[in-house]
Amino acid sequence: MKTTCSLIATVLLLALGVGCGYSRPAAGVTPTVTTLAPASATAGGPAFPLTVNGSGFSPASVVYWNTSPRPTTYVSASQVTAQIGAADIMTATNASVYVHTSGGAYGGGTNSNTVSFPVN
């Protein structure tokens, strides 16, 4: 009986997201992009790291460039960086940049606002 109670308690704690070092993302947290650095790029220029500043970022956040994910590094809840390739800025355009933060093991996730990035 004691083993059964321990097993049930463990299952309940795991279902609540307790234990194993995992915690659920805060409910209702939507990432927000406030600034990009650099603020623009020159068409035909080299690849560069893009710093995205804002709030609500997590280790599961991914930067999107014109709806395509880019390799992303989590810095803090207010900053992530992404690698933008030379092919991304081959021609003059206004790229759309946003951050998607996954809901983790529970699926879902949320997109931030979209910020325009001028390629001149």
PDB file of N, CA and C in Angstrom:
ATOM      1  N   MET A   1       0.825  -1.199   0.000  1.00  0.00           N
ATOM      2  CA  MET A   1       0.000   0.000   0.000  1.00  0.00           C
ATOM      3  C   MET A   1       0.864   1.257   0.000  1.00  0.00           C
ATOM      4  N   LYS A   2       1.939   1.234   0.799  1.00  0.00           N
ATOM      5  CA  LYS A   2       2.816   2.405   0.869  1.00  0.00           C
ATOM      6  C   LYS A   2       3.452   2.684  -0.489  1.00  0.00           C
ATOM      7  N   THR A   3       3.874   1.647  -1.233  1.00  0.00           N
ATOM      8  CA  THR A   3       4.469   1.809  -2.547  1.00  0.00           C
ATOM      9  C   THR A   3       3.459   2.405  -3.522  1.00  0.00           C
ATOM     10  N   THR A   4       2.219   1.948  -3.453  1.00  0.00           N
ATOM     11  CA  THR A   4       1.172   2.463  -4.328  1.00  0.00           C
ATOM     12  C   THR A   4       0.928   3.948  -4.060  1.00  0.00           C
ATOM     13  N   CYS A   5       0.880   4.343  -2.788  1.00  0.00           N
ATOM     14  CA  CYS A   5       0.670   5.752  -2.441  1.00  0.00           C
ATOM     15  C   CYS A   5       1.838   6.604  -2.931  1.00  0.00           C
ATOM     16  N   SER A   6       3.057   6.113  -2.802  1.00  0.00           N
ATOM     17  CA  SER A   6       4.224   6.866  -3.271  1.00  0.00           C
ATOM     18  C   SER A   6       4.183   7.028  -4.778  1.00  0.00           C
ATOM     19  N   LEU A   7       3.800   5.969  -5.477  1.00  0.00           N
ATOM     20  CA  LEU A   7       3.712   6.030  -6.932  1.00  0.00           C
ATOM     21  C   LEU A   7       2.653   7.031  -7.375  1.00  0.00           C
ATOM     22  N   ILE A   8       1.510   7.013  -6.733  1.00  0.00           N
ATOM     23  CA  ILE A   8       0.440   7.951  -7.072  1.00  0.00           C
ATOM     24  C   ILE A   8       0.889   9.385  -6.798  1.00  0.00           C
ATOM     25  N   ALA A   9       1.545   9.620  -5.676  1.00  0.00           N
ATOM     26  CA  ALA A   9       2.030  10.961  -5.348  1.00  0.00           C
ATOM     27  C   ALA A   9       3.043  11.434  -6.385  1.00  0.00           C
ATOM     28  N   THR A  10       3.948  10.552  -6.811  1.00  0.00           N
ATOM     29  CA  THR A  10       4.954  10.910  -7.815  1.00  0.00           C
ATOM     30  C   THR A  10       4.296  11.275  -9.133  1.00  0.00           C
ATOM     31  N   VAL A  11       3.328  10.489  -9.563  1.00  0.00           N
ATOM     32  CA  VAL A  11       2.622  10.759 -10.817  1.00  0.00           C
ATOM     33  C   VAL A  11       1.908  12.105 -10.741  1.00  0.00           C
ATOM     34  N   LEU A  12       1.267  12.398  -9.612  1.00  0.00           N
ATOM     35  CA  LEU A  12       0.569  13.671  -9.458  1.00  0.00           C
ATOM     36  C   LEU A  12       1.540  14.849  -9.496  1.00  0.00           C
ATOM     37  N   LEU A  13       2.682  14.719  -8.832  1.00  0.00           N
ATOM     38  CA  LEU A  13       3.668  15.800  -8.840  1.00  0.00           C
ATOM     39  C   LEU A  13       4.214  16.027 -10.240  1.00  0.00           C
ATOM     40  N   LEU A  14       4.491  14.956 -10.974  1.00  0.00           N
ATOM     41  CA  LEU A  14       4.979  15.114 -12.341  1.00  0.00           C
ATOM     42  C   LEU A  14       3.924  15.732 -13.240  1.00  0.00           C
ATOM     43  N   ALA A  15       2.678  15.383 -13.050  1.00  0.00           N
ATOM     44  CA  ALA A  15       1.592  15.957 -13.845  1.00  0.00           C
ATOM     45  C   ALA A  15       1.457  17.458 -13.589  1.00  0.00           C
ATOM     46  N   LEU A  16       1.814  17.879 -12.390  1.00  0.00           N
ATOM     47  CA  LEU A  16       1.752  19.299 -12.057  1.00  0.00           C
ATOM     48  C   LEU A  16       3.006  20.045 -12.479  1.00  0.00           C
ATOM     49  N   GLY A  17       3.975  19.300 -13.040  1.00  0.00           N
ATOM     50  CA  GLY A  17       5.203  19.947 -13.492  1.00  0.00           C
ATOM     51  C   GLY A  17       6.225  20.118 -12.387  1.00  0.00           C
ATOM     52  N   VAL A  18       6.104  19.343 -11.331  1.00  0.00           N
ATOM     53  CA  VAL A  18       7.032  19.423 -10.210  1.00  0.00           C
ATOM     54  C   VAL A  18       7.998  18.254 -10.303  1.00  0.00           C
ATOM     55  N   GLY A  19       9.250  18.490 -10.067  1.00  0.00           N
ATOM     56  CA  GLY A  19      10.237  17.417 -10.089  1.00  0.00           C
ATOM     57  C   GLY A  19      10.954  17.357 -11.416  1.00  0.00           C
ATOM     58  N   CYS A  20      12.001  16.600 -11.461  1.00  0.00           N
ATOM     59  CA  CYS A  20      12.811  16.373 -12.667  1.00  0.00           C
ATOM     60  C   CYS A  20      13.380  17.665 -13.243  1.00  0.00           C
ATOM     61  N   GLY A  21      13.425  18.730 -12.468  1.00  0.00           N
ATOM     62  CA  GLY A  21      14.044  19.965 -12.930  1.00  0.00           C
ATOM     63  C   GLY A  21      13.236  20.736 -13.958  1.00  0.00           C
ATOM     64  N   TYR A  22      12.014  20.346 -14.225  1.00  0.00           N
ATOM     65  CA  TYR A  22      11.198  21.048 -15.220  1.00  0.00           C
ATOM     66  C   TYR A  22      10.141  21.879 -14.530  1.00  0.00           C
ATOM     67  N   SER A  23       9.952  23.090 -15.004  1.00  0.00           N
ATOM     68  CA  SER A  23       8.840  23.903 -14.526  1.00  0.00           C
ATOM     69  C   SER A  23       8.071  24.402 -15.738  1.00  0.00           C
ATOM     70  N   ARG A  24       6.783  24.477 -15.604  1.00  0.00           N
ATOM     71  CA  ARG A  24       5.951  24.952 -16.699  1.00  0.00           C
ATOM     72  C   ARG A  24       6.225  26.421 -16.977  1.00  0.00           C
ATOM     73  N   PRO A  25       6.097  26.841 -18.241  1.00  0.00           N
ATOM     74  CA  PRO A  25       6.214  28.262 -18.532  1.00  0.00           C
ATOM     75  C   PRO A  25       5.089  29.010 -17.829  1.00  0.00           C
ATOM     76  N   ALA A  26       5.350  30.227 -17.442  1.00  0.00           N
ATOM     77  CA  ALA A  26       4.318  31.023 -16.785  1.00  0.00           C
ATOM     78  C   ALA A  26       3.145  31.215 -17.733  1.00  0.00           C
ATOM     79  N   ALA A  27       1.963  30.954 -17.225  1.00  0.00           N
ATOM     80  CA  ALA A  27       0.768  31.090 -18.051  1.00  0.00           C
ATOM     81  C   ALA A  27       0.544  32.552 -18.416  1.00  0.00           C
ATOM     82  N   GLY A  28       0.174  32.790 -19.647  1.00  0.00           N
ATOM     83  CA  GLY A  28      -0.177  34.124 -20.083  1.00  0.00           C
ATOM     84  C   GLY A  28       1.000  35.030 -20.414  1.00  0.00           C
ATOM     85  N   VAL A  29       2.239  34.506 -20.376  1.00  0.00           N
ATOM     86  CA  VAL A  29       3.400  35.337 -20.692  1.00  0.00           C
ATOM     87  C   VAL A  29       3.591  35.359 -22.205  1.00  0.00           C
ATOM     88  N   THR A  30       3.465  36.539 -22.789  1.00  0.00           N
ATOM     89  CA  THR A  30       3.657  36.720 -24.220  1.00  0.00           C
ATOM     90  C   THR A  30       4.968  37.454 -24.435  1.00  0.00           C
ATOM     91  N   PRO A  31       5.856  36.912 -25.269  1.00  0.00           N
ATOM     92  CA  PRO A  31       7.102  37.631 -25.518  1.00  0.00           C
ATOM     93  C   PRO A  31       6.826  38.938 -26.264  1.00  0.00           C
ATOM     94  N   THR A  32       7.652  39.926 -26.006  1.00  0.00           N
ATOM     95  CA  THR A  32       7.535  41.230 -26.650  1.00  0.00           C
ATOM     96  C   THR A  32       8.899  41.662 -27.155  1.00  0.00           C
ATOM     97  N   VAL A  33       8.963  42.091 -28.414  1.00  0.00           N
ATOM     98  CA  VAL A  33      10.194  42.631 -28.985  1.00  0.00           C
ATOM     99  C   VAL A  33      10.107  44.153 -28.916  1.00  0.00           C
ATOM    100  N   THR A  34      11.155  44.783 -28.345  1.00  0.00           N
ATOM    101  CA  THR A  34      11.172  46.242 -28.263  1.00  0.00           C
ATOM    102  C   THR A  34      12.189  46.852 -29.223  1.00  0.00           C
ATOM    103  N   THR A  35      13.401  46.280 -29.279  1.00  0.00           N
ATOM    104  CA  THR A  35      14.430  46.826 -30.172  1.00  0.00           C
ATOM    105  C   THR A  35      15.266  45.715 -30.785  1.00  0.00           C
ATOM    106  N   LEU A  36      15.879  46.039 -31.926  1.00  0.00           N
ATOM    107  CA  LEU A  36      16.800  45.142 -32.613  1.00  0.00           C
ATOM    108  C   LEU A  36      18.141  45.846 -32.754  1.00  0.00           C
ATOM    109  N   ALA A  37      19.221  45.081 -32.610  1.00  0.00           N
ATOM    110  CA  ALA A  37      20.556  45.659 -32.804  1.00  0.00           C
ATOM    111  C   ALA A  37      21.392  44.683 -33.614  1.00  0.00           C
ATOM    112  N   PRO A  38      21.906  45.110 -34.754  1.00  0.00           N
ATOM    113  CA  PRO A  38      21.763  46.452 -35.311  1.00  0.00           C
ATOM    114  C   PRO A  38      20.321  46.717 -35.741  1.00  0.00           C
ATOM    115  N   ALA A  39      20.023  47.968 -36.014  1.00  0.00           N
ATOM    116  CA  ALA A  39      18.668  48.376 -36.394  1.00  0.00           C
ATOM    117  C   ALA A  39      18.405  48.221 -37.881  1.00  0.00           C
ATOM    118  N   SER A  40      19.470  48.010 -38.681  1.00  0.00           N
ATOM    119  CA  SER A  40      19.319  47.810 -40.129  1.00  0.00           C
ATOM    120  C   SER A  40      20.594  47.168 -40.657  1.00  0.00           C
ATOM    121  N   ALA A  41      20.560  46.781 -41.932  1.00  0.00           N
ATOM    122  CA  ALA A  41      21.732  46.182 -42.580  1.00  0.00           C
ATOM    123  C   ALA A  41      21.793  46.663 -44.021  1.00  0.00           C
ATOM    124  N   THR A  42      22.947  46.484 -44.624  1.00  0.00           N
ATOM    125  CA  THR A  42      23.150  46.868 -46.017  1.00  0.00           C
ATOM    126  C   THR A  42      22.979  45.643 -46.911  1.00  0.00           C
ATOM    127  N   ALA A  43      22.171  45.781 -47.952  1.00  0.00           N
ATOM    128  CA  ALA A  43      21.944  44.676 -48.893  1.00  0.00           C
ATOM    129  C   ALA A  43      23.285  44.208 -49.451  1.00  0.00           C
ATOM    130  N   GLY A  44      23.450  42.881 -49.505  1.00  0.00           N
ATOM    131  CA  GLY A  44      24.685  42.304 -50.008  1.00  0.00           C
ATOM    132  C   GLY A  44      25.785  42.223 -48.970  1.00  0.00           C
ATOM    133  N   GLY A  45      25.488  42.627 -47.748  1.00  0.00           N
ATOM    134  CA  GLY A  45      26.481  42.611 -46.675  1.00  0.00           C
ATOM    135  C   GLY A  45      26.721  41.215 -46.110  1.00  0.00           C
ATOM    136  N   PRO A  46      27.629  41.123 -45.138  1.00  0.00           N
ATOM    137  CA  PRO A  46      27.960  39.827 -44.546  1.00  0.00           C
ATOM    138  C   PRO A  46      26.929  39.375 -43.509  1.00  0.00           C
ATOM    139  N   ALA A  47      27.012  38.104 -43.145  1.00  0.00           N
ATOM    140  CA  ALA A  47      26.186  37.552 -42.070  1.00  0.00           C
ATOM    141  C   ALA A  47      26.490  38.323 -40.777  1.00  0.00           C
ATOM    142  N   PHE A  48      25.546  38.322 -39.850  1.00  0.00           N
ATOM    143  CA  PHE A  48      25.745  39.039 -38.592  1.00  0.00           C
ATOM    144  C   PHE A  48      24.857  38.468 -37.493  1.00  0.00           C
ATOM    145  N   PRO A  49      25.248  38.686 -36.228  1.00  0.00           N
ATOM    146  CA  PRO A  49      24.364  38.318 -35.124  1.00  0.00           C
ATOM    147  C   PRO A  49      23.364  39.443 -34.882  1.00  0.00           C
ATOM    148  N   LEU A  50      22.107  39.094 -34.743  1.00  0.00           N
ATOM    149  CA  LEU A  50      21.045  40.064 -34.466  1.00  0.00           C
ATOM    150  C   LEU A  50      20.666  39.938 -32.996  1.00  0.00           C
ATOM    151  N   THR A  51      20.754  41.024 -32.260  1.00  0.00           N
ATOM    152  CA  THR A  51      20.344  41.034 -30.855  1.00  0.00           C
ATOM    153  C   THR A  51      18.904  41.517 -30.783  1.00  0.00           C
ATOM    154  N   VAL A  52      18.064  40.728 -30.158  1.00  0.00           N
ATOM    155  CA  VAL A  52      16.650  41.062 -30.005  1.00  0.00           C
ATOM    156  C   VAL A  52      16.407  41.366 -28.529  1.00  0.00           C
ATOM    157  N   ASN A  53      15.991  42.585 -28.241  1.00  0.00           N
ATOM    158  CA  ASN A  53      15.699  43.005 -26.867  1.00  0.00           C
ATOM    159  C   ASN A  53      14.202  43.082 -26.670  1.00  0.00           C
ATOM    160  N   GLY A  54      13.759  42.755 -25.469  1.00  0.00           N
ATOM    161  CA  GLY A  54      12.339  42.799 -25.161  1.00  0.00           C
ATOM    162  C   GLY A  54      12.058  42.180 -23.814  1.00  0.00           C
ATOM    163  N   SER A  55      11.014  41.365 -23.750  1.00  0.00           N
ATOM    164  CA  SER A  55      10.655  40.715 -22.493  1.00  0.00           C
ATOM    165  C   SER A  55       9.914  39.413 -22.781  1.00  0.00           C
ATOM    166  N   GLY A  56       9.862  38.564 -21.769  1.00  0.00           N
ATOM    167  CA  GLY A  56       9.116  37.310 -21.877  1.00  0.00           C
ATOM    168  C   GLY A  56       9.829  36.206 -22.626  1.00  0.00           C
ATOM    169  N   PHE A  57      11.144  36.342 -22.848  1.00  0.00           N
ATOM    170  CA  PHE A  57      11.889  35.303 -23.557  1.00  0.00           C
ATOM    171  C   PHE A  57      12.244  34.170 -22.600  1.00  0.00           C
ATOM    172  N   SER A  58      12.450  32.984 -23.165  1.00  0.00           N
ATOM    173  CA  SER A  58      12.833  31.817 -22.376  1.00  0.00           C
ATOM    174  C   SER A  58      13.858  31.022 -23.171  1.00  0.00           C
ATOM    175  N   PRO A  59      14.459  30.012 -22.564  1.00  0.00           N
ATOM    176  CA  PRO A  59      15.396  29.173 -23.318  1.00  0.00           C
ATOM    177  C   PRO A  59      14.747  28.488 -24.525  1.00  0.00           C
ATOM    178  N   ALA A  60      13.411  28.449 -24.560  1.00  0.00           N
ATOM    179  CA  ALA A  60      12.690  27.841 -25.679  1.00  0.00           C
ATOM    180  C   ALA A  60      12.335  28.862 -26.762  1.00  0.00           C
ATOM    181  N   SER A  61      12.810  30.087 -26.637  1.00  0.00           N
ATOM    182  CA  SER A  61      12.496  31.136 -27.617  1.00  0.00           C
ATOM    183  C   SER A  61      13.318  30.972 -28.888  1.00  0.00           C
ATOM    184  N   VAL A  62      12.679  31.237 -30.020  1.00  0.00           N
ATOM    185  CA  VAL A  62      13.337  31.162 -31.326  1.00  0.00           C
ATOM    186  C   VAL A  62      13.006  32.435 -32.106  1.00  0.00           C
ATOM    187  N   VAL A  63      14.046  33.043 -32.684  1.00  0.00           N
ATOM    188  CA  VAL A  63      13.858  34.229 -33.513  1.00  0.00           C
ATOM    189  C   VAL A  63      13.470  33.774 -34.921  1.00  0.00           C
ATOM    190  N   TYR A  64      12.455  34.437 -35.486  1.00  0.00           N
ATOM    191  CA  TYR A  64      12.017  34.163 -36.856  1.00  0.00           C
ATOM    192  C   TYR A  64      12.338  35.365 -37.724  1.00  0.00           C
ATOM    193  N   TRP A  65      12.856  35.081 -38.908  1.00  0.00           N
ATOM    194  CA  TRP A  65      13.200  36.098 -39.909  1.00  0.00           C
ATOM    195  C   TRP A  65      12.314  35.801 -41.108  1.00  0.00           C
ATOM    196  N   ASN A  66      11.346  36.673 -41.391  1.00  0.00           N
ATOM    197  CA  ASN A  66      10.400  36.424 -42.496  1.00  0.00           C
ATOM    198  C   ASN A  66       9.799  35.025 -42.415  1.00  0.00           C
ATOM    199  N   THR A  67       9.316  34.654 -41.276  1.00  0.00           N
ATOM    200  CA  THR A  67       8.650  33.381 -40.978  1.00  0.00           C
ATOM    201  C   THR A  67       9.564  32.161 -40.984  1.00  0.00           C
ATOM    202  N   SER A  68      10.869  32.341 -41.072  1.00  0.00           N
ATOM    203  CA  SER A  68      11.810  31.213 -41.025  1.00  0.00           C
ATOM    204  C   SER A  68      12.637  31.287 -39.742  1.00  0.00           C
ATOM    205  N   PRO A  69      12.719  30.179 -38.995  1.00  0.00           N
ATOM    206  CA  PRO A  69      13.500  30.199 -37.755  1.00  0.00           C
ATOM    207  C   PRO A  69      14.985  30.381 -38.036  1.00  0.00           C
ATOM    208  N   ARG A  70      15.645  31.062 -37.146  1.00  0.00           N
ATOM    209  CA  ARG A  70      17.086  31.271 -37.243  1.00  0.00           C
ATOM    210  C   ARG A  70      17.742  30.712 -35.987  1.00  0.00           C
ATOM    211  N   PRO A  71      19.002  30.243 -36.098  1.00  0.00           N
ATOM    212  CA  PRO A  71      19.697  29.740 -34.900  1.00  0.00           C
ATOM    213  C   PRO A  71      19.681  30.820 -33.815  1.00  0.00           C
ATOM    214  N   THR A  72      19.154  30.461 -32.664  1.00  0.00           N
ATOM    215  CA  THR A  72      18.905  31.435 -31.604  1.00  0.00           C
ATOM    216  C   THR A  72      19.623  31.039 -30.317  1.00  0.00           C
ATOM    217  N   THR A  73      20.173  32.036 -29.648  1.00  0.00           N
ATOM    218  CA  THR A  73      20.812  31.832 -28.355  1.00  0.00           C
ATOM    219  C   THR A  73      20.054  32.642 -27.311  1.00  0.00           C
ATOM    220  N   TYR A  74      19.639  31.972 -26.264  1.00  0.00           N
ATOM    221  CA  TYR A  74      18.968  32.632 -25.145  1.00  0.00           C
ATOM    222  C   TYR A  74      20.029  33.313 -24.290  1.00  0.00           C
ATOM    223  N   VAL A  75      19.860  34.601 -24.044  1.00  0.00           N
ATOM    224  CA  VAL A  75      20.773  35.356 -23.186  1.00  0.00           C
ATOM    225  C   VAL A  75      20.116  35.594 -21.833  1.00  0.00           C
ATOM    226  N   SER A  76      18.877  36.091 -21.864  1.00  0.00           N
ATOM    227  CA  SER A  76      18.124  36.361 -20.639  1.00  0.00           C
ATOM    228  C   SER A  76      16.649  36.496 -21.006  1.00  0.00           C
ATOM    229  N   ALA A  77      15.821  36.711 -19.996  1.00  0.00           N
ATOM    230  CA  ALA A  77      14.385  36.891 -20.245  1.00  0.00           C
ATOM    231  C   ALA A  77      14.106  38.150 -21.062  1.00  0.00           C
ATOM    232  N   SER A  78      15.128  39.017 -21.184  1.00  0.00           N
ATOM    233  CA  SER A  78      14.932  40.247 -21.956  1.00  0.00           C
ATOM    234  C   SER A  78      15.820  40.337 -23.197  1.00  0.00           C
ATOM    235  N   GLN A  79      16.555  39.238 -23.515  1.00  0.00           N
ATOM    236  CA  GLN A  79      17.419  39.303 -24.694  1.00  0.00           C
ATOM    237  C   GLN A  79      17.711  37.909 -25.258  1.00  0.00           C
ATOM    238  N   VAL A  80      17.623  37.824 -26.593  1.00  0.00           N
ATOM    239  CA  VAL A  80      18.063  36.643 -27.342  1.00  0.00           C
ATOM    240  C   VAL A  80      18.868  37.139 -28.535  1.00  0.00           C
ATOM    241  N   THR A  81      19.715  36.281 -29.075  1.00  0.00           N
ATOM    242  CA  THR A  81      20.454  36.634 -30.286  1.00  0.00           C
ATOM    243  C   THR A  81      20.187  35.578 -31.347  1.00  0.00           C
ATOM    244  N   ALA A  82      20.257  36.003 -32.598  1.00  0.00           N
ATOM    245  CA  ALA A  82      20.021  35.093 -33.716  1.00  0.00           C
ATOM    246  C   ALA A  82      21.075  35.330 -34.781  1.00  0.00           C
ATOM    247  N   GLN A  83      21.425  34.270 -35.486  1.00  0.00           N
ATOM    248  CA  GLN A  83      22.385  34.386 -36.578  1.00  0.00           C
ATOM    249  C   GLN A  83      21.624  34.652 -37.875  1.00  0.00           C
ATOM    250  N   ILE A  84      21.923  35.788 -38.498  1.00  0.00           N
ATOM    251  CA  ILE A  84      21.295  36.157 -39.766  1.00  0.00           C
ATOM    252  C   ILE A  84      22.336  35.952 -40.860  1.00  0.00           C
ATOM    253  N   GLY A  85      21.991  35.135 -41.851  1.00  0.00           N
ATOM    254  CA  GLY A  85      22.929  34.792 -42.914  1.00  0.00           C
ATOM    255  C   GLY A  85      23.011  35.856 -43.998  1.00  0.00           C
ATOM    256  N   ALA A  86      24.103  35.825 -44.737  1.00  0.00           N
ATOM    257  CA  ALA A  86      24.287  36.768 -45.846  1.00  0.00           C
ATOM    258  C   ALA A  86      23.166  36.623 -46.879  1.00  0.00           C
ATOM    259  N   ALA A  87      22.664  35.400 -47.064  1.00  0.00           N
ATOM    260  CA  ALA A  87      21.576  35.175 -48.020  1.00  0.00           C
ATOM    261  C   ALA A  87      20.285  35.876 -47.577  1.00  0.00           C
ATOM    262  N   ASP A  88      20.132  36.090 -46.266  1.00  0.00           N
ATOM    263  CA  ASP A  88      18.942  36.767 -45.744  1.00  0.00           C
ATOM    264  C   ASP A  88      18.898  38.242 -46.114  1.00  0.00           C
ATOM    265  N   ILE A  89      20.071  38.831 -46.382  1.00  0.00           N
ATOM    266  CA  ILE A  89      20.127  40.263 -46.676  1.00  0.00           C
ATOM    267  C   ILE A  89      20.714  40.527 -48.069  1.00  0.00           C
ATOM    268  N   MET A  90      20.538  39.570 -48.958  1.00  0.00           N
ATOM    269  CA  MET A  90      21.084  39.679 -50.309  1.00  0.00           C
ATOM    270  C   MET A  90      20.507  40.874 -51.072  1.00  0.00           C
ATOM    271  N   THR A  91      19.207  41.143 -50.870  1.00  0.00           N
ATOM    272  CA  THR A  91      18.558  42.242 -51.601  1.00  0.00           C
ATOM    273  C   THR A  91      17.861  43.191 -50.619  1.00  0.00           C
ATOM    274  N   ALA A  92      17.630  44.406 -51.054  1.00  0.00           N
ATOM    275  CA  ALA A  92      16.943  45.398 -50.225  1.00  0.00           C
ATOM    276  C   ALA A  92      15.503  44.945 -49.960  1.00  0.00           C
ATOM    277  N   THR A  93      15.103  45.011 -48.703  1.00  0.00           N
ATOM    278  CA  THR A  93      13.765  44.595 -48.294  1.00  0.00           C
ATOM    279  C   THR A  93      13.506  45.081 -46.880  1.00  0.00           C
ATOM    280  N   ASN A  94      12.330  44.866 -46.394  1.00  0.00           N
ATOM    281  CA  ASN A  94      12.010  45.053 -44.978  1.00  0.00           C
ATOM    282  C   ASN A  94      11.657  43.678 -44.435  1.00  0.00           C
ATOM    283  N   ALA A  95      12.573  43.108 -43.665  1.00  0.00           N
ATOM    284  CA  ALA A  95      12.341  41.782 -43.091  1.00  0.00           C
ATOM    285  C   ALA A  95      11.447  41.903 -41.861  1.00  0.00           C
ATOM    286  N   SER A  96      10.635  40.888 -41.637  1.00  0.00           N
ATOM    287  CA  SER A  96       9.800  40.818 -40.442  1.00  0.00           C
ATOM    288  C   SER A  96      10.506  39.937 -39.421  1.00  0.00           C
ATOM    289  N   VAL A  97      10.671  40.458 -38.213  1.00  0.00           N
ATOM    290  CA  VAL A  97      11.346  39.726 -37.143  1.00  0.00           C
ATOM    291  C   VAL A  97      10.383  39.578 -35.970  1.00  0.00           C
ATOM    292  N   TYR A  98      10.269  38.340 -35.474  1.00  0.00           N
ATOM    293  CA  TYR A  98       9.485  38.101 -34.261  1.00  0.00           C
ATOM    294  C   TYR A  98      10.097  36.940 -33.512  1.00  0.00           C
ATOM    295  N   VAL A  99       9.655  36.752 -32.279  1.00  0.00           N
ATOM    296  CA  VAL A  99      10.151  35.674 -31.430  1.00  0.00           C
ATOM    297  C   VAL A  99       8.986  34.761 -31.087  1.00  0.00           C
ATOM    298  N   HIS A 100       9.208  33.463 -31.252  1.00  0.00           N
ATOM    299  CA  HIS A 100       8.224  32.462 -30.838  1.00  0.00           C
ATOM    300  C   HIS A 100       8.771  31.771 -29.608  1.00  0.00           C
ATOM    301  N   THR A 101       7.980  31.738 -28.553  1.00  0.00           N
ATOM    302  CA  THR A 101       8.372  31.041 -27.340  1.00  0.00           C
ATOM    303  C   THR A 101       7.467  29.846 -27.167  1.00  0.00           C
ATOM    304  N   SER A 102       8.073  28.674 -27.172  1.00  0.00           N
ATOM    305  CA  SER A 102       7.349  27.411 -27.100  1.00  0.00           C
ATOM    306  C   SER A 102       6.720  27.206 -25.731  1.00  0.00           C
ATOM    307  N   GLY A 103       5.666  26.433 -25.722  1.00  0.00           N
ATOM    308  CA  GLY A 103       5.025  26.039 -24.473  1.00  0.00           C
ATOM    309  C   GLY A 103       5.731  24.872 -23.827  1.00  0.00           C
ATOM    310  N   GLY A 104       6.889  24.483 -24.349  1.00  0.00           N
ATOM    311  CA  GLY A 104       7.662  23.374 -23.779  1.00  0.00           C
ATOM    312  C   GLY A 104       7.005  22.035 -24.047  1.00  0.00           C
ATOM    313  N   ALA A 105       7.128  21.145 -23.099  1.00  0.00           N
ATOM    314  CA  ALA A 105       6.598  19.796 -23.247  1.00  0.00           C
ATOM    315  C   ALA A 105       5.083  19.790 -23.393  1.00  0.00           C
ATOM    316  N   TYR A 106       4.450  20.898 -23.044  1.00  0.00           N
ATOM    317  CA  TYR A 106       2.995  20.958 -23.087  1.00  0.00           C
ATOM    318  C   TYR A 106       2.476  21.552 -24.392  1.00  0.00           C
ATOM    319  N   GLY A 107       3.388  21.838 -25.331  1.00  0.00           N
ATOM    320  CA  GLY A 107       2.988  22.333 -26.646  1.00  0.00           C
ATOM    321  C   GLY A 107       2.562  23.775 -26.632  1.00  0.00           C
ATOM    322  N   GLY A 108       1.971  24.181 -27.717  1.00  0.00           N
ATOM    323  CA  GLY A 108       1.495  25.556 -27.818  1.00  0.00           C
ATOM    324  C   GLY A 108       2.632  26.534 -28.007  1.00  0.00           C
ATOM    325  N   GLY A 109       2.536  27.647 -27.368  1.00  0.00           N
ATOM    326  CA  GLY A 109       3.539  28.680 -27.495  1.00  0.00           C
ATOM    327  C   GLY A 109       2.898  29.969 -27.959  1.00  0.00           C
ATOM    328  N   THR A 110       3.703  31.014 -27.975  1.00  0.00           N
ATOM    329  CA  THR A 110       3.196  32.335 -28.290  1.00  0.00           C
ATOM    330  C   THR A 110       4.180  33.093 -29.153  1.00  0.00           C
ATOM    331  N   ASN A 111       3.666  33.860 -30.104  1.00  0.00           N
ATOM    332  CA  ASN A 111       4.492  34.748 -30.921  1.00  0.00           C
ATOM    333  C   ASN A 111       4.480  36.146 -30.321  1.00  0.00           C
ATOM    334  N   SER A 112       5.618  36.817 -30.453  1.00  0.00           N
ATOM    335  CA  SER A 112       5.705  38.219 -30.048  1.00  0.00           C
ATOM    336  C   SER A 112       5.094  39.097 -31.136  1.00  0.00           C
ATOM    337  N   ASN A 113       5.161  40.374 -30.899  1.00  0.00           N
ATOM    338  CA  ASN A 113       4.840  41.347 -31.947  1.00  0.00           C
ATOM    339  C   ASN A 113       5.902  41.233 -33.038  1.00  0.00           C
ATOM    340  N   THR A 114       5.610  41.721 -34.224  1.00  0.00           N
ATOM    341  CA  THR A 114       6.554  41.702 -35.348  1.00  0.00           C
ATOM    342  C   THR A 114       7.180  43.068 -35.486  1.00  0.00           C
ATOM    343  N   VAL A 115       8.511  43.079 -35.687  1.00  0.00           N
ATOM    344  CA  VAL A 115       9.263  44.324 -35.860  1.00  0.00           C
ATOM    345  C   VAL A 115       9.899  44.292 -37.242  1.00  0.00           C
ATOM    346  N   SER A 116       9.834  45.394 -37.946  1.00  0.00           N
ATOM    347  CA  SER A 116      10.404  45.498 -39.280  1.00  0.00           C
ATOM    348  C   SER A 116      11.909  45.776 -39.179  1.00  0.00           C
ATOM    349  N   PHE A 117      12.683  45.043 -39.988  1.00  0.00           N
ATOM    350  CA  PHE A 117      14.128  45.237 -40.050  1.00  0.00           C
ATOM    351  C   PHE A 117      14.507  45.656 -41.466  1.00  0.00           C
ATOM    352  N   PRO A 118      14.892  46.929 -41.665  1.00  0.00           N
ATOM    353  CA  PRO A 118      15.215  47.395 -43.004  1.00  0.00           C
ATOM    354  C   PRO A 118      16.579  46.890 -43.503  1.00  0.00           C
ATOM    355  N   VAL A 119      16.566  46.363 -44.737  1.00  0.00           N
ATOM    356  CA  VAL A 119      17.794  46.000 -45.441  1.00  0.00           C
ATOM    357  C   VAL A 119      17.881  46.980 -46.593  1.00  0.00           C
ATOM    358  N   ASN A 120      18.832  47.912 -46.529  1.00  0.00           N
ATOM    359  CA  ASN A 120      18.939  48.997 -47.512  1.00  0.00           C
ATOM    360  C   ASN A 120      19.931  48.665 -48.613  1.00  0.00           C
TER     361      ASN A 120
END
